[in-house]
Protein backbone atom coordinates (compact mmCIF):
# COMPACT_ATOMS: atom_id res chain seq x y z
CA ILE A 1 9.83 6.14 -2.91
CA THR A 2 11.85 3.17 -1.66
CA ALA A 3 15.15 4.03 -3.40
CA GLY A 4 16.66 5.38 -0.17
CA GLU A 5 15.57 2.41 1.93
CA PRO A 6 18.45 0.16 3.05
CA ASN A 7 16.11 -2.86 3.24
CA PRO A 8 15.61 -4.42 -0.23
CA ALA A 9 12.26 -5.92 0.90
CA ALA A 10 10.82 -2.47 1.69
CA GLY A 11 7.70 -1.59 -0.24
CA LEU A 12 4.70 0.69 -0.27
CA ARG A 13 1.79 -0.48 1.87
CA VAL A 14 -1.59 0.71 0.60
CA TYR A 15 -4.58 0.04 2.84
CA VAL A 16 -8.21 0.85 3.55
CA TYR A 17 -9.68 1.31 7.01
CA SER A 18 -13.03 2.31 8.44
CA GLY A 19 -13.67 6.01 8.71
CA GLY A 20 -16.77 5.53 10.83
CA CYS A 21 -19.84 7.38 9.55
CA SER A 22 -17.84 8.94 6.71
CA GLY A 23 -17.13 5.60 5.01
CA PHE A 24 -13.66 4.35 4.19
CA ARG A 25 -10.29 6.05 4.50
CA TYR A 26 -7.19 5.22 2.52
CA GLY A 27 -3.59 5.21 3.67
CA MET A 28 -0.05 4.58 2.50
CA MET A 29 3.24 3.99 4.29
CA ILE A 30 6.63 2.41 3.72
CA GLU A 31 6.65 -1.15 5.09
CA ASP A 32 9.75 -3.24 5.86
CA ALA A 33 8.32 -6.47 4.42
CA PRO A 34 5.02 -8.03 3.41
CA THR A 35 2.92 -10.01 5.87
CA PRO A 36 1.63 -13.51 5.07
CA ASP A 37 -1.81 -11.94 4.43
CA ASP A 38 -0.53 -9.56 1.72
CA GLN A 39 -0.73 -9.64 -2.01
CA VAL A 40 2.50 -8.22 -3.45
CA LEU A 41 2.06 -6.19 -6.61
CA GLY A 42 5.06 -5.28 -8.74
CA LEU A 43 4.22 -1.89 -10.17
CA GLY A 44 7.71 -0.46 -10.60
CA ILE A 45 8.05 -0.76 -6.82
CA LYS A 46 6.73 -3.42 -4.46
CA VAL A 47 3.20 -2.60 -3.33
CA TYR A 48 1.80 -4.55 -0.36
CA VAL A 49 -1.99 -4.82 -0.02
CA ASP A 50 -3.77 -6.93 2.60
CA THR A 51 -6.58 -9.22 1.46
CA LYS A 52 -9.25 -7.12 3.24
CA SER A 53 -8.24 -4.01 1.29
CA ILE A 54 -7.59 -5.51 -2.16
CA ASP A 55 -11.22 -5.53 -3.35
CA LEU A 56 -11.82 -1.99 -2.05
CA LEU A 57 -8.75 -0.75 -3.91
CA ARG A 58 -9.46 -2.52 -7.20
CA GLY A 59 -9.51 0.06 -9.99
CA SER A 60 -7.87 2.74 -7.83
CA GLN A 61 -5.07 4.93 -9.10
CA ILE A 62 -2.23 6.28 -6.96
CA ASP A 63 -0.76 9.63 -7.92
CA TYR A 64 2.33 10.67 -5.98
CA VAL A 65 4.38 13.86 -6.24
CA ASP A 66 7.57 14.39 -4.23
CA ARG A 67 8.01 18.07 -3.45
């Protein structure tokens, strides 16, 4: 995912945000660097998760297919 990124600090941001009446929504994006509020997980690539999302993501599994 980050192999083509010129920035060596680039990682995958995984986050949770409010979906209103439908509960939570989950998102992912490539981030240039972690913020001071992030926990950085080394899972083969750098994964950045903010402290508000970490408990909501605990036990989650990410499955990614590049087509």
